[in-house]
């Protein structure tokens, strides 16, 4: 049964609705902002590497409450480099399970170039470890990509995350760079290097959320699914 508020929102032209009303109309209560940091495997392929860390921010579109989730894992090089019985990287399985849970809890996932990297990488890791049950079922969660949003609605010299942030005066951009040697130190089990990697990922997701909050007022709410 529809409430009077829902009925009234459905009759108002979308361009006259507030952003929270637009999301309510589309039945989107929670938005997941997600970024992964992964091993530098050949072509960043999921079957050759693993997720090193992930950061997620979950936004309630009606209360504006934010929850942040962070976790990381070092790769188990000893098992992977066993010549007699090599095994795929498995240490990121807990991360895959956590990310899968967040997908289930949210109505819309947002990433930057995520349609082409983050989600395919996550899906490949699940399949590689025989856990296809962790992959969201088709039509279970909508997906938006700020890279595509910017590319279609702006004319910037680049649609990289930091380039978009610089174009918006309101966005506090603090993109950190990671030298390849830091990535190698993470893979070798260096805790300080991992801490730097996690901070880098946290800043990226905060920037991702800010950029999406700027873009969402001038683009359609994503209607395609993962």
Protein backbone atom coordinates (compact mmCIF):
# COMPACT_ATOMS: atom_id res chain seq x y z
CA UNK A 1 0.00 0.00 0.00
CA UNK A 2 1.40 3.37 -1.02
CA UNK A 3 1.59 6.18 1.51
CA UNK A 4 0.24 9.63 0.70
CA UNK A 5 3.83 10.94 0.55
CA UNK A 6 4.86 8.27 -1.99
CA UNK A 7 1.81 9.04 -4.11
CA UNK A 8 2.52 12.77 -4.09
CA UNK A 9 6.19 12.26 -5.02
CA UNK A 10 5.22 10.04 -7.94
CA UNK A 11 3.11 12.85 -9.40
CA UNK A 12 5.77 15.58 -9.19
CA UNK A 13 8.08 15.99 -12.22
CA UNK A 14 11.50 14.59 -11.32
CA UNK A 15 13.31 17.85 -12.05
CA UNK A 16 11.33 19.51 -9.22
CA UNK A 17 12.20 16.90 -6.61
CA UNK A 18 15.00 17.18 -4.07
CA UNK A 19 17.82 14.66 -4.46
CA UNK A 20 16.53 12.59 -1.52
CA UNK A 21 13.05 12.56 -3.08
CA UNK A 22 14.49 11.45 -6.42
CA UNK A 23 16.19 8.52 -4.71
CA UNK A 24 13.04 7.70 -2.76
CA UNK A 25 11.07 7.68 -5.99
CA UNK A 26 13.57 5.21 -7.49
CA UNK A 27 13.48 3.12 -4.27
CA UNK A 28 17.17 3.75 -3.56
CA UNK A 29 17.76 4.03 0.17
CA UNK A 30 21.44 3.09 0.52
CA UNK A 31 24.33 3.97 -1.80
CA UNK A 32 27.60 2.03 -1.65
CA UNK A 33 30.81 3.87 -2.61
CA UNK A 34 33.54 1.31 -3.22
CA UNK A 35 37.21 1.22 -4.18
CA UNK A 36 39.65 -1.69 -4.33
CA UNK A 37 43.44 -1.77 -4.20
CA UNK A 38 44.82 -4.86 -5.88
CA UNK A 39 48.07 -6.60 -6.69
CA UNK A 40 49.92 -5.49 -9.81
CA UNK A 41 49.42 -8.74 -11.70
CA UNK A 42 49.60 -9.03 -15.51
CA UNK A 43 47.05 -6.52 -16.82
CA UNK A 44 45.69 -6.28 -13.25
CA UNK A 45 43.92 -9.60 -13.84
CA UNK A 46 41.86 -11.08 -11.03
CA UNK A 47 42.94 -14.67 -11.56
CA UNK A 48 46.64 -13.75 -11.20
CA UNK A 49 46.39 -11.46 -8.17
CA UNK A 50 44.25 -10.63 -5.17
CA UNK A 51 42.54 -7.72 -3.44
CA UNK A 52 44.94 -6.07 -0.99
CA UNK A 53 42.40 -3.78 0.65
CA UNK A 54 38.99 -2.27 0.12
CA UNK A 55 37.23 0.82 1.44
CA UNK A 56 33.48 1.32 1.34
CA UNK A 57 31.25 4.16 2.43
CA UNK A 58 27.51 3.51 2.75
CA UNK A 59 25.26 6.56 2.49
CA UNK A 60 21.66 6.63 3.64
CA UNK A 61 19.90 8.87 1.11
CA UNK A 62 17.11 9.78 3.54
CA UNK A 63 19.08 10.49 6.75
CA UNK A 64 22.43 11.33 5.09
CA UNK A 65 24.15 9.04 7.62
CA UNK A 66 27.52 7.61 6.49
CA UNK A 67 29.09 4.31 7.54
CA UNK A 68 32.66 3.44 6.58
CA UNK A 69 34.08 -0.06 6.15
CA UNK A 70 37.81 -0.82 5.76
CA UNK A 71 39.74 -4.09 5.66
CA UNK A 72 42.98 -5.46 4.18
CA UNK A 73 44.92 -8.69 3.71
CA UNK A 74 48.52 -9.52 2.79
CA UNK A 75 48.97 -12.20 0.08
CA UNK A 76 50.22 -15.62 1.20
CA UNK A 77 53.31 -15.85 -0.98
CA UNK A 78 54.55 -19.16 0.47
CA UNK A 79 51.51 -21.13 -0.71
CA UNK A 80 51.34 -19.33 -4.01
CA UNK A 81 55.01 -19.90 -4.82
CA UNK A 82 55.03 -23.59 -3.90
CA UNK A 83 56.49 -25.13 -7.08
CA UNK A 84 55.20 -28.65 -6.36
CA UNK A 85 51.66 -27.58 -5.50
CA UNK A 86 50.99 -23.94 -6.38
CA UNK A 87 47.75 -22.47 -5.07
CA UNK A 88 45.83 -19.35 -6.06
CA UNK A 89 45.87 -16.41 -3.67
CA UNK A 90 43.14 -17.04 -1.08
CA UNK A 91 43.83 -14.50 1.64
CA UNK A 92 41.34 -12.01 0.21
CA UNK A 93 38.37 -14.36 0.61
CA UNK A 94 37.20 -12.56 3.81
CA UNK A 95 37.30 -9.28 1.86
CA UNK A 96 35.19 -10.80 -0.92
CA UNK A 97 32.65 -11.99 1.66
CA UNK A 98 32.47 -8.54 3.25
CA UNK A 99 32.05 -6.78 -0.10
CA UNK A 100 29.36 -9.27 -1.14
CA UNK A 101 27.46 -8.49 2.08
CA UNK A 102 27.66 -4.75 1.36
CA UNK A 103 26.30 -5.30 -2.15
CA UNK A 104 23.33 -7.15 -0.64
CA UNK A 105 22.65 -4.36 1.87
CA UNK A 106 22.66 -1.51 -0.67
CA UNK A 107 20.44 -0.46 -3.57
CA UNK A 108 23.02 1.39 -5.69
CA UNK A 109 26.79 0.91 -5.96
CA UNK A 110 29.05 3.72 -7.19
CA UNK A 111 32.63 3.34 -8.38
CA UNK A 112 35.10 5.28 -10.51
CA UNK A 113 35.88 3.21 -13.60
CA UNK A 114 34.33 0.53 -11.44
CA UNK A 115 32.23 -0.94 -14.22
CA UNK A 116 35.43 -1.77 -16.08
CA UNK A 117 37.75 -2.67 -13.19
CA UNK A 118 36.56 -2.92 -9.58
CA UNK A 119 33.43 -5.00 -10.07
CA UNK A 120 34.86 -7.28 -12.82
CA UNK A 121 37.93 -7.82 -10.60
CA UNK A 122 35.73 -8.66 -7.60
CA UNK A 123 33.66 -11.05 -9.72
CA UNK A 124 36.78 -12.74 -11.16
CA UNK A 125 38.23 -13.24 -7.67
CA UNK A 126 34.98 -14.88 -6.53
CA UNK A 127 34.98 -17.22 -9.53
CA UNK A 128 38.69 -18.03 -9.16
CA UNK A 129 38.14 -19.11 -5.55
CA UNK A 130 35.02 -21.11 -6.40
CA UNK A 131 32.68 -18.69 -4.62
CA UNK A 132 30.34 -17.56 -7.38
CA UNK A 133 27.64 -17.42 -4.69
CA UNK A 134 29.24 -14.15 -3.52
CA UNK A 135 28.55 -12.44 -6.86
CA UNK A 136 25.32 -10.37 -6.75
CA UNK A 137 22.52 -11.87 -8.80
CA UNK A 138 21.49 -10.02 -11.93
CA UNK A 139 19.03 -7.16 -11.27
CA UNK A 140 19.79 -7.23 -7.54
CA UNK A 141 21.74 -3.94 -7.35
CA UNK A 142 22.07 -0.92 -9.62
CA UNK A 143 25.52 0.37 -10.54
CA UNK A 144 26.77 3.84 -11.40
CA UNK A 145 30.20 4.93 -12.61
CA UNK A 146 31.39 8.49 -11.97
CA UNK A 147 33.94 8.09 -14.79
CA UNK A 148 31.08 7.53 -17.24
CA UNK A 149 28.92 10.22 -15.63
CA UNK A 150 31.68 12.79 -16.07
CA UNK A 151 32.60 11.63 -19.56
CA UNK A 152 29.00 12.00 -20.77
CA UNK A 153 28.15 15.27 -18.99
CA UNK A 154 31.43 17.23 -18.93
CA UNK A 155 34.21 18.21 -21.31
CA UNK A 156 37.33 17.80 -19.20
CA UNK A 157 40.87 17.17 -20.36
CA UNK A 158 40.70 13.95 -18.32
CA UNK A 159 38.00 12.09 -16.40
CA UNK A 160 40.38 10.67 -13.81
CA UNK A 161 39.20 11.02 -10.24
CA UNK A 162 41.61 13.81 -9.30
CA UNK A 163 40.98 15.71 -12.56
CA UNK A 164 37.23 15.80 -11.87
CA UNK A 165 37.89 16.86 -8.28
CA UNK A 166 40.04 19.79 -9.43
CA UNK A 167 37.24 20.90 -11.76
CA UNK A 168 34.78 21.16 -8.86
CA UNK A 169 35.69 23.96 -6.45
CA UNK A 170 33.59 22.38 -3.69
CA UNK A 171 35.42 19.05 -3.80
CA UNK A 172 38.39 18.73 -1.47
CA UNK A 173 40.86 16.76 -3.52
CA UNK A 174 43.83 15.10 -1.89
CA UNK A 175 44.72 12.34 -4.32
CA UNK A 176 47.76 10.45 -3.06
CA UNK A 177 50.14 8.73 -5.43
CA UNK A 178 51.59 5.29 -4.81
CA UNK A 179 55.04 4.44 -6.14
CA UNK A 180 55.38 0.92 -7.62
CA UNK A 181 57.97 0.15 -4.92
CA UNK A 182 55.30 0.73 -2.25
CA UNK A 183 53.07 -1.85 -3.96
CA UNK A 184 55.95 -4.30 -4.01
CA UNK A 185 56.56 -3.65 -0.29
CA UNK A 186 52.88 -4.39 0.43
CA UNK A 187 53.10 -7.71 -1.43
CA UNK A 188 56.23 -8.53 0.60
CA UNK A 189 54.27 -7.96 3.84
CA UNK A 190 55.45 -4.48 4.85
CA UNK A 191 52.89 -3.10 7.35
CA UNK A 192 53.85 0.57 6.86
CA UNK A 193 53.41 0.19 3.11
CA UNK A 194 50.00 -1.42 3.66
CA UNK A 195 48.98 1.44 5.99
CA UNK A 196 49.89 3.93 3.24
CA UNK A 197 47.92 1.88 0.70
CA UNK A 198 44.85 1.85 2.96
CA UNK A 199 45.03 5.61 3.57
CA UNK A 200 45.30 6.11 -0.20
CA UNK A 201 42.16 4.02 -0.68
CA UNK A 202 40.25 5.87 2.09
CA UNK A 203 41.01 9.24 0.48
CA UNK A 204 39.95 7.93 -2.94
CA UNK A 205 36.56 6.79 -1.64
CA UNK A 206 35.94 10.07 0.17
CA UNK A 207 36.73 11.88 -3.07
CA UNK A 208 34.50 9.47 -5.00
CA UNK A 209 31.57 10.27 -2.72
CA UNK A 210 32.13 14.03 -2.98
CA UNK A 211 32.33 13.87 -6.77
CA UNK A 212 29.17 11.79 -7.01
CA UNK A 213 27.33 14.24 -4.75
CA UNK A 214 28.27 17.00 -7.20
CA UNK A 215 27.38 15.04 -10.32
CA UNK A 216 24.10 13.53 -9.08
CA UNK A 217 22.25 16.84 -9.41
CA UNK A 218 22.83 17.04 -13.16
CA UNK A 219 22.76 13.41 -14.31
CA UNK A 220 20.15 10.68 -14.31
CA UNK A 221 20.08 8.24 -11.41
CA UNK A 222 21.78 5.06 -12.69
CA UNK A 223 19.24 2.52 -13.93
CA UNK A 224 21.55 -0.23 -15.20
CA UNK A 225 22.43 -3.22 -13.07
CA UNK A 226 25.64 -5.01 -12.11
